[in-house]
PDB file of N, CA and C in Angstrom:
ATOM      1  N   UNK A   1      21.307   5.657   5.154  1.00  0.00           N
ATOM      2  CA  UNK A   1      20.098   6.336   4.741  1.00  0.00           C
ATOM      3  C   UNK A   1      19.869   6.154   3.238  1.00  0.00           C
ATOM      4  N   UNK A   2      20.933   6.254   2.447  1.00  0.00           N
ATOM      5  CA  UNK A   2      20.766   6.128   0.999  1.00  0.00           C
ATOM      6  C   UNK A   2      20.315   4.713   0.623  1.00  0.00           C
ATOM      7  N   UNK A   3      20.807   3.714   1.343  1.00  0.00           N
ATOM      8  CA  UNK A   3      20.399   2.336   1.075  1.00  0.00           C
ATOM      9  C   UNK A   3      18.905   2.163   1.333  1.00  0.00           C
ATOM     10  N   UNK A   4      18.414   2.758   2.399  1.00  0.00           N
ATOM     11  CA  UNK A   4      16.990   2.679   2.740  1.00  0.00           C
ATOM     12  C   UNK A   4      16.141   3.355   1.669  1.00  0.00           C
ATOM     13  N   UNK A   5      16.583   4.506   1.176  1.00  0.00           N
ATOM     14  CA  UNK A   5      15.833   5.206   0.136  1.00  0.00           C
ATOM     15  C   UNK A   5      15.820   4.425  -1.174  1.00  0.00           C
ATOM     16  N   UNK A   6      16.928   3.784  -1.497  1.00  0.00           N
ATOM     17  CA  UNK A   6      16.980   2.964  -2.709  1.00  0.00           C
ATOM     18  C   UNK A   6      16.023   1.786  -2.586  1.00  0.00           C
ATOM     19  N   UNK A   7      16.019   1.129  -1.444  1.00  0.00           N
ATOM     20  CA  UNK A   7      15.116  -0.007  -1.225  1.00  0.00           C
ATOM     21  C   UNK A   7      13.662   0.445  -1.263  1.00  0.00           C
ATOM     22  N   UNK A   8      13.378   1.583  -0.650  1.00  0.00           N
ATOM     23  CA  UNK A   8      12.010   2.117  -0.677  1.00  0.00           C
ATOM     24  C   UNK A   8      11.583   2.429  -2.109  1.00  0.00           C
ATOM     25  N   UNK A   9      12.473   3.023  -2.875  1.00  0.00           N
ATOM     26  CA  UNK A   9      12.164   3.328  -4.273  1.00  0.00           C
ATOM     27  C   UNK A   9      11.919   2.077  -5.092  1.00  0.00           C
ATOM     28  N   UNK A  10      12.734   1.067  -4.889  1.00  0.00           N
ATOM     29  CA  UNK A  10      12.541  -0.198  -5.606  1.00  0.00           C
ATOM     30  C   UNK A  10      11.241  -0.883  -5.196  1.00  0.00           C
ATOM     31  N   UNK A  11      10.899  -0.778  -3.919  1.00  0.00           N
ATOM     32  CA  UNK A  11       9.641  -1.361  -3.441  1.00  0.00           C
ATOM     33  C   UNK A  11       8.449  -0.675  -4.091  1.00  0.00           C
ATOM     34  N   UNK A  12       8.497   0.644  -4.173  1.00  0.00           N
ATOM     35  CA  UNK A  12       7.412   1.389  -4.810  1.00  0.00           C
ATOM     36  C   UNK A  12       7.335   1.058  -6.297  1.00  0.00           C
ATOM     37  N   UNK A  13       8.493   0.916  -6.954  1.00  0.00           N
ATOM     38  CA  UNK A  13       8.526   0.546  -8.361  1.00  0.00           C
ATOM     39  C   UNK A  13       7.898  -0.828  -8.587  1.00  0.00           C
ATOM     40  N   UNK A  14       8.270  -1.801  -7.769  1.00  0.00           N
ATOM     41  CA  UNK A  14       7.721  -3.154  -7.903  1.00  0.00           C
ATOM     42  C   UNK A  14       6.213  -3.150  -7.643  1.00  0.00           C
ATOM     43  N   UNK A  15       5.777  -2.419  -6.624  1.00  0.00           N
ATOM     44  CA  UNK A  15       4.341  -2.338  -6.337  1.00  0.00           C
ATOM     45  C   UNK A  15       3.593  -1.710  -7.507  1.00  0.00           C
ATOM     46  N   UNK A  16       4.191  -0.699  -8.127  1.00  0.00           N
ATOM     47  CA  UNK A  16       3.561  -0.069  -9.281  1.00  0.00           C
ATOM     48  C   UNK A  16       3.462  -1.008 -10.467  1.00  0.00           C
ATOM     49  N   UNK A  17       4.498  -1.791 -10.680  1.00  0.00           N
ATOM     50  CA  UNK A  17       4.470  -2.747 -11.790  1.00  0.00           C
ATOM     51  C   UNK A  17       3.494  -3.893 -11.543  1.00  0.00           C
ATOM     52  N   UNK A  18       3.359  -4.275 -10.281  1.00  0.00           N
ATOM     53  CA  UNK A  18       2.472  -5.394  -9.942  1.00  0.00           C
ATOM     54  C   UNK A  18       1.044  -4.960  -9.627  1.00  0.00           C
ATOM     55  N   UNK A  19       0.749  -3.652  -9.713  1.00  0.00           N
ATOM     56  CA  UNK A  19      -0.553  -3.142  -9.289  1.00  0.00           C
ATOM     57  C   UNK A  19      -1.739  -3.809  -9.988  1.00  0.00           C
ATOM     58  N   UNK A  20      -1.681  -4.090 -11.307  1.00  0.00           N
ATOM     59  CA  UNK A  20      -2.834  -4.764 -11.928  1.00  0.00           C
ATOM     60  C   UNK A  20      -3.167  -6.102 -11.254  1.00  0.00           C
ATOM     61  N   UNK A  21      -2.152  -6.831 -10.817  1.00  0.00           N
ATOM     62  CA  UNK A  21      -2.397  -8.120 -10.153  1.00  0.00           C
ATOM     63  C   UNK A  21      -2.764  -7.918  -8.682  1.00  0.00           C
ATOM     64  N   UNK A  22      -2.180  -6.907  -8.051  1.00  0.00           N
ATOM     65  CA  UNK A  22      -2.496  -6.638  -6.646  1.00  0.00           C
ATOM     66  C   UNK A  22      -3.933  -6.157  -6.484  1.00  0.00           C
ATOM     67  N   UNK A  23      -4.448  -5.419  -7.465  1.00  0.00           N
ATOM     68  CA  UNK A  23      -5.827  -4.942  -7.359  1.00  0.00           C
ATOM     69  C   UNK A  23      -6.821  -6.097  -7.433  1.00  0.00           C
ATOM     70  N   UNK A  24      -6.441  -7.182  -8.064  1.00  0.00           N
ATOM     71  CA  UNK A  24      -7.323  -8.362  -8.110  1.00  0.00           C
ATOM     72  C   UNK A  24      -7.424  -9.052  -6.754  1.00  0.00           C
ATOM     73  N   UNK A  25      -6.447  -8.810  -5.871  1.00  0.00           N
ATOM     74  CA  UNK A  25      -6.464  -9.413  -4.544  1.00  0.00           C
ATOM     75  C   UNK A  25      -7.422  -8.710  -3.594  1.00  0.00           C
ATOM     76  N   UNK A  26      -7.959  -7.578  -4.010  1.00  0.00           N
ATOM     77  CA  UNK A  26      -8.900  -6.865  -3.162  1.00  0.00           C
ATOM     78  C   UNK A  26      -8.292  -5.698  -2.418  1.00  0.00           C
ATOM     79  N   UNK A  27      -7.026  -5.372  -2.702  1.00  0.00           N
ATOM     80  CA  UNK A  27      -6.435  -4.204  -2.066  1.00  0.00           C
ATOM     81  C   UNK A  27      -7.220  -2.973  -2.484  1.00  0.00           C
ATOM     82  N   UNK A  28      -7.530  -2.149  -1.540  1.00  0.00           N
ATOM     83  CA  UNK A  28      -8.339  -0.974  -1.811  1.00  0.00           C
ATOM     84  C   UNK A  28      -9.793  -1.167  -1.424  1.00  0.00           C
ATOM     85  N   UNK A  29     -10.151  -2.383  -1.106  1.00  0.00           N
ATOM     86  CA  UNK A  29     -11.523  -2.683  -0.687  1.00  0.00           C
ATOM     87  C   UNK A  29     -11.525  -3.539   0.576  1.00  0.00           C
ATOM     88  N   UNK A  30     -10.581  -3.280   1.449  1.00  0.00           N
ATOM     89  CA  UNK A  30     -10.462  -4.049   2.685  1.00  0.00           C
ATOM     90  C   UNK A  30     -11.367  -3.480   3.771  1.00  0.00           C
ATOM     91  N   UNK A  31     -11.699  -4.284   4.789  1.00  0.00           N
ATOM     92  CA  UNK A  31     -12.425  -3.739   5.920  1.00  0.00           C
ATOM     93  C   UNK A  31     -11.583  -2.642   6.572  1.00  0.00           C
ATOM     94  N   UNK A  32     -12.192  -1.552   6.899  1.00  0.00           N
ATOM     95  CA  UNK A  32     -11.481  -0.414   7.461  1.00  0.00           C
ATOM     96  C   UNK A  32     -11.282   0.696   6.451  1.00  0.00           C
ATOM     97  N   UNK A  33     -11.419   0.396   5.163  1.00  0.00           N
ATOM     98  CA  UNK A  33     -11.356   1.430   4.138  1.00  0.00           C
ATOM     99  C   UNK A  33     -12.689   2.175   4.141  1.00  0.00           C
ATOM    100  N   UNK A  34     -12.609   3.488   4.146  1.00  0.00           N
ATOM    101  CA  UNK A  34     -13.804   4.322   4.229  1.00  0.00           C
ATOM    102  C   UNK A  34     -14.110   4.864   2.840  1.00  0.00           C
ATOM    103  N   UNK A  35     -15.344   4.681   2.389  1.00  0.00           N
ATOM    104  CA  UNK A  35     -15.795   5.186   1.102  1.00  0.00           C
ATOM    105  C   UNK A  35     -17.102   5.930   1.321  1.00  0.00           C
ATOM    106  N   UNK A  36     -17.093   7.217   1.014  1.00  0.00           N
ATOM    107  CA  UNK A  36     -18.293   8.042   1.126  1.00  0.00           C
ATOM    108  C   UNK A  36     -18.610   8.562  -0.267  1.00  0.00           C
ATOM    109  N   UNK A  37     -19.760   8.190  -0.784  1.00  0.00           N
ATOM    110  CA  UNK A  37     -20.183   8.630  -2.114  1.00  0.00           C
ATOM    111  C   UNK A  37     -21.448   9.452  -1.985  1.00  0.00           C
ATOM    112  N   UNK A  38     -21.384  10.639  -2.519  1.00  0.00           N
ATOM    113  CA  UNK A  38     -22.534  11.540  -2.595  1.00  0.00           C
ATOM    114  C   UNK A  38     -22.802  11.833  -4.062  1.00  0.00           C
ATOM    115  N   UNK A  39     -23.762  12.686  -4.311  1.00  0.00           N
ATOM    116  CA  UNK A  39     -24.152  12.976  -5.682  1.00  0.00           C
ATOM    117  C   UNK A  39     -22.982  13.496  -6.519  1.00  0.00           C
ATOM    118  N   UNK A  40     -22.278  14.503  -6.048  1.00  0.00           N
ATOM    119  CA  UNK A  40     -21.165  15.086  -6.799  1.00  0.00           C
ATOM    120  C   UNK A  40     -19.852  15.002  -6.032  1.00  0.00           C
ATOM    121  N   UNK A  41     -19.720  14.025  -5.162  1.00  0.00           N
ATOM    122  CA  UNK A  41     -18.569  13.984  -4.273  1.00  0.00           C
ATOM    123  C   UNK A  41     -18.264  12.539  -3.890  1.00  0.00           C
ATOM    124  N   UNK A  42     -16.998  12.174  -3.953  1.00  0.00           N
ATOM    125  CA  UNK A  42     -16.552  10.859  -3.504  1.00  0.00           C
ATOM    126  C   UNK A  42     -15.322  11.038  -2.634  1.00  0.00           C
ATOM    127  N   UNK A  43     -15.355  10.434  -1.445  1.00  0.00           N
ATOM    128  CA  UNK A  43     -14.224  10.480  -0.535  1.00  0.00           C
ATOM    129  C   UNK A  43     -13.819   9.054  -0.222  1.00  0.00           C
ATOM    130  N   UNK A  44     -12.535   8.754  -0.450  1.00  0.00           N
ATOM    131  CA  UNK A  44     -12.022   7.415  -0.193  1.00  0.00           C
ATOM    132  C   UNK A  44     -10.827   7.535   0.722  1.00  0.00           C
ATOM    133  N   UNK A  45     -10.868   6.881   1.880  1.00  0.00           N
ATOM    134  CA  UNK A  45      -9.776   6.884   2.843  1.00  0.00           C
ATOM    135  C   UNK A  45      -9.387   5.420   3.096  1.00  0.00           C
ATOM    136  N   UNK A  46      -8.250   4.993   2.534  1.00  0.00           N
ATOM    137  CA  UNK A  46      -7.855   3.577   2.622  1.00  0.00           C
ATOM    138  C   UNK A  46      -7.121   3.243   3.923  1.00  0.00           C
ATOM    139  N   UNK A  47      -7.801   3.267   5.051  1.00  0.00           N
ATOM    140  CA  UNK A  47      -7.153   2.982   6.326  1.00  0.00           C
ATOM    141  C   UNK A  47      -6.684   1.536   6.431  1.00  0.00           C
ATOM    142  N   UNK A  48      -7.528   0.605   6.094  1.00  0.00           N
ATOM    143  CA  UNK A  48      -7.164  -0.813   6.175  1.00  0.00           C
ATOM    144  C   UNK A  48      -6.053  -1.175   5.207  1.00  0.00           C
ATOM    145  N   UNK A  49      -6.141  -0.684   3.986  1.00  0.00           N
ATOM    146  CA  UNK A  49      -5.105  -0.952   2.990  1.00  0.00           C
ATOM    147  C   UNK A  49      -3.786  -0.315   3.402  1.00  0.00           C
ATOM    148  N   UNK A  50      -3.833   0.912   3.895  1.00  0.00           N
ATOM    149  CA  UNK A  50      -2.616   1.589   4.339  1.00  0.00           C
ATOM    150  C   UNK A  50      -1.953   0.867   5.491  1.00  0.00           C
ATOM    151  N   UNK A  51      -2.759   0.368   6.414  1.00  0.00           N
ATOM    152  CA  UNK A  51      -2.218  -0.380   7.547  1.00  0.00           C
ATOM    153  C   UNK A  51      -1.553  -1.674   7.082  1.00  0.00           C
ATOM    154  N   UNK A  52      -2.195  -2.392   6.187  1.00  0.00           N
ATOM    155  CA  UNK A  52      -1.634  -3.641   5.671  1.00  0.00           C
ATOM    156  C   UNK A  52      -0.334  -3.390   4.916  1.00  0.00           C
ATOM    157  N   UNK A  53      -0.313  -2.390   4.059  1.00  0.00           N
ATOM    158  CA  UNK A  53       0.898  -2.065   3.302  1.00  0.00           C
ATOM    159  C   UNK A  53       2.020  -1.650   4.245  1.00  0.00           C
ATOM    160  N   UNK A  54       1.698  -0.886   5.267  1.00  0.00           N
ATOM    161  CA  UNK A  54       2.694  -0.456   6.242  1.00  0.00           C
ATOM    162  C   UNK A  54       3.304  -1.646   6.980  1.00  0.00           C
ATOM    163  N   UNK A  55       2.479  -2.584   7.380  1.00  0.00           N
ATOM    164  CA  UNK A  55       2.974  -3.773   8.075  1.00  0.00           C
ATOM    165  C   UNK A  55       3.870  -4.599   7.166  1.00  0.00           C
ATOM    166  N   UNK A  56       3.470  -4.784   5.926  1.00  0.00           N
ATOM    167  CA  UNK A  56       4.269  -5.574   4.981  1.00  0.00           C
ATOM    168  C   UNK A  56       5.612  -4.904   4.724  1.00  0.00           C
ATOM    169  N   UNK A  57       5.613  -3.595   4.504  1.00  0.00           N
ATOM    170  CA  UNK A  57       6.867  -2.882   4.263  1.00  0.00           C
ATOM    171  C   UNK A  57       7.753  -2.929   5.500  1.00  0.00           C
ATOM    172  N   UNK A  58       7.174  -2.806   6.681  1.00  0.00           N
ATOM    173  CA  UNK A  58       7.960  -2.884   7.911  1.00  0.00           C
ATOM    174  C   UNK A  58       8.623  -4.247   8.071  1.00  0.00           C
ATOM    175  N   UNK A  59       7.904  -5.306   7.762  1.00  0.00           N
ATOM    176  CA  UNK A  59       8.468  -6.651   7.849  1.00  0.00           C
ATOM    177  C   UNK A  59       9.597  -6.841   6.839  1.00  0.00           C
ATOM    178  N   UNK A  60       9.384  -6.360   5.616  1.00  0.00           N
ATOM    179  CA  UNK A  60      10.421  -6.485   4.596  1.00  0.00           C
ATOM    180  C   UNK A  60      11.677  -5.735   5.017  1.00  0.00           C
ATOM    181  N   UNK A  61      11.540  -4.511   5.500  1.00  0.00           N
ATOM    182  CA  UNK A  61      12.697  -3.734   5.923  1.00  0.00           C
ATOM    183  C   UNK A  61      13.376  -4.346   7.143  1.00  0.00           C
ATOM    184  N   UNK A  62      12.597  -4.961   8.029  1.00  0.00           N
ATOM    185  CA  UNK A  62      13.185  -5.623   9.190  1.00  0.00           C
ATOM    186  C   UNK A  62      14.063  -6.793   8.744  1.00  0.00           C
ATOM    187  N   UNK A  63      13.558  -7.596   7.770  1.00  0.00           N
ATOM    188  CA  UNK A  63      14.350  -8.714   7.277  1.00  0.00           C
ATOM    189  C   UNK A  63      15.615  -8.235   6.572  1.00  0.00           C
ATOM    190  N   UNK A  64      15.521  -7.138   5.841  1.00  0.00           N
ATOM    191  CA  UNK A  64      16.683  -6.617   5.123  1.00  0.00           C
ATOM    192  C   UNK A  64      17.744  -6.147   6.097  1.00  0.00           C
ATOM    193  N   UNK A  65      17.343  -5.509   7.194  1.00  0.00           N
ATOM    194  CA  UNK A  65      18.297  -4.958   8.154  1.00  0.00           C
ATOM    195  C   UNK A  65      18.885  -6.016   9.093  1.00  0.00           C
ATOM    196  N   UNK A  66      18.297  -7.201   9.154  1.00  0.00           N
ATOM    197  CA  UNK A  66      18.829  -8.230  10.050  1.00  0.00           C
ATOM    198  C   UNK A  66      19.399  -9.340   9.270  1.00  0.00           C
TER     199      UNK A  66
END
């Protein structure tokens, strides 16, 4: 369990450091992301981005465990 938490923490750290370059790839504006803008209200639900990130993390963890 501790190994998994360390890997997860390192993954989040790397994603945070690479975020300026990752945002140029269009993450956060994928099909499936919901954006509702009103006069004094903005709601953003990143469904497509969350799904993509989840799949990538799952693949990385699968490779690490095998």
